[in-house]
C-alpha atoms as a PDB file:
ATOM      1  CA  MET A   1      -1.005 -10.564 -12.301  1.00  0.00           C
ATOM      2  CA  PRO A   2       0.064  -7.284 -10.681  1.00  0.00           C
ATOM      3  CA  TYR A   3       1.545  -7.454  -7.211  1.00  0.00           C
ATOM      4  CA  VAL A   4       1.688  -4.191  -5.249  1.00  0.00           C
ATOM      5  CA  ASN A   5       3.428  -3.843  -1.893  1.00  0.00           C
ATOM      6  CA  VAL A   6       2.410  -0.793   0.139  1.00  0.00           C
ATOM      7  CA  LYS A   7       4.692   0.061   3.059  1.00  0.00           C
ATOM      8  CA  THR A   8       3.638   2.655   5.589  1.00  0.00           C
ATOM      9  CA  ALA A   9       5.274   4.125   8.654  1.00  0.00           C
ATOM     10  CA  GLY A  10       2.658   3.448  11.298  1.00  0.00           C
ATOM     11  CA  THR A  11      -0.711   1.799  11.002  1.00  0.00           C
ATOM     12  CA  LEU A  12      -3.733   2.312   8.784  1.00  0.00           C
ATOM     13  CA  THR A  13      -7.342   1.604   9.613  1.00  0.00           C
ATOM     14  CA  ARG A  14      -9.225  -1.128   7.783  1.00  0.00           C
ATOM     15  CA  GLU A  15     -11.211   1.580   5.989  1.00  0.00           C
ATOM     16  CA  GLN A  16      -8.004   3.298   4.837  1.00  0.00           C
ATOM     17  CA  ARG A  17      -6.573   0.007   3.514  1.00  0.00           C
ATOM     18  CA  GLU A  18      -9.837  -0.715   1.689  1.00  0.00           C
ATOM     19  CA  GLU A  19      -9.847   2.716   0.023  1.00  0.00           C
ATOM     20  CA  ILE A  20      -6.186   2.484  -0.970  1.00  0.00           C
ATOM     21  CA  ALA A  21      -6.692  -1.041  -2.370  1.00  0.00           C
ATOM     22  CA  LYS A  22      -9.709   0.161  -4.349  1.00  0.00           C
ATOM     23  CA  ASP A  23      -7.790   3.120  -5.798  1.00  0.00           C
ATOM     24  CA  ILE A  24      -4.763   1.009  -6.742  1.00  0.00           C
ATOM     25  CA  SER A  25      -6.788  -1.796  -8.336  1.00  0.00           C
ATOM     26  CA  GLU A  26      -9.022   0.634 -10.250  1.00  0.00           C
ATOM     27  CA  SER A  27      -5.983   2.532 -11.520  1.00  0.00           C
ATOM     28  CA  LEU A  28      -4.282  -0.654 -12.733  1.00  0.00           C
ATOM     29  CA  GLU A  29      -7.498  -1.748 -14.429  1.00  0.00           C
ATOM     30  CA  ARG A  30      -8.021   1.633 -16.128  1.00  0.00           C
ATOM     31  CA  VAL A  31      -4.423   2.387 -17.131  1.00  0.00           C
ATOM     32  CA  ALA A  32      -2.914  -1.056 -17.705  1.00  0.00           C
ATOM     33  CA  ALA A  33      -6.022  -3.158 -18.466  1.00  0.00           C
ATOM     34  CA  LYS A  34      -5.266  -5.447 -15.512  1.00  0.00           C
ATOM     35  CA  PRO A  35      -8.442  -6.967 -14.024  1.00  0.00           C
ATOM     36  CA  LYS A  36      -9.068  -6.113 -10.374  1.00  0.00           C
ATOM     37  CA  ALA A  37      -9.601  -9.796  -9.635  1.00  0.00           C
ATOM     38  CA  HIS A  38      -5.987 -10.485 -10.659  1.00  0.00           C
ATOM     39  CA  THR A  39      -4.379  -7.685  -8.637  1.00  0.00           C
ATOM     40  CA  TYR A  40      -2.711  -8.602  -5.352  1.00  0.00           C
ATOM     41  CA  ILE A  41      -2.005  -5.860  -2.806  1.00  0.00           C
ATOM     42  CA  VAL A  42      -0.071  -6.361   0.409  1.00  0.00           C
ATOM     43  CA  PHE A  43       0.130  -3.797   3.200  1.00  0.00           C
ATOM     44  CA  ASP A  44       3.250  -3.725   5.392  1.00  0.00           C
ATOM     45  CA  GLU A  45       2.713  -1.443   8.368  1.00  0.00           C
ATOM     46  CA  VAL A  46       6.072  -0.748   9.950  1.00  0.00           C
ATOM     47  CA  GLU A  47       6.486   0.829  13.366  1.00  0.00           C
ATOM     48  CA  ARG A  48       7.571   4.445  12.980  1.00  0.00           C
ATOM     49  CA  ASP A  49      10.698   3.934  15.086  1.00  0.00           C
ATOM     50  CA  HIS A  50      11.794   1.233  12.626  1.00  0.00           C
ATOM     51  CA  TRP A  51      11.998   3.853   9.827  1.00  0.00           C
ATOM     52  CA  ALA A  52      14.608   6.548   9.466  1.00  0.00           C
ATOM     53  CA  VAL A  53      15.106   9.457   7.119  1.00  0.00           C
ATOM     54  CA  GLY A  54      18.807  10.091   7.022  1.00  0.00           C
ATOM     55  CA  ASP A  55      19.976   9.669  10.593  1.00  0.00           C
ATOM     56  CA  GLU A  56      16.619  10.572  12.177  1.00  0.00           C
ATOM     57  CA  LEU A  57      14.144   7.922  13.298  1.00  0.00           C
ATOM     58  CA  LEU A  58      10.519   8.777  12.517  1.00  0.00           C
ATOM     59  CA  GLY A  59       9.223   7.562  15.890  1.00  0.00           C
END
């Protein structure tokens, strides 16, 4: 059972999450023979000002 955690700075639309989930699950099925029905994907959308690169906040 694959578990994939996708973290993004900022939000995604429902359509974007659906497309990303489709791409990830299809890739795992094709490359690793893991059935889509057994793949769990979680999206964590983090506010941009809660992310930093070095000493610079993204937001």
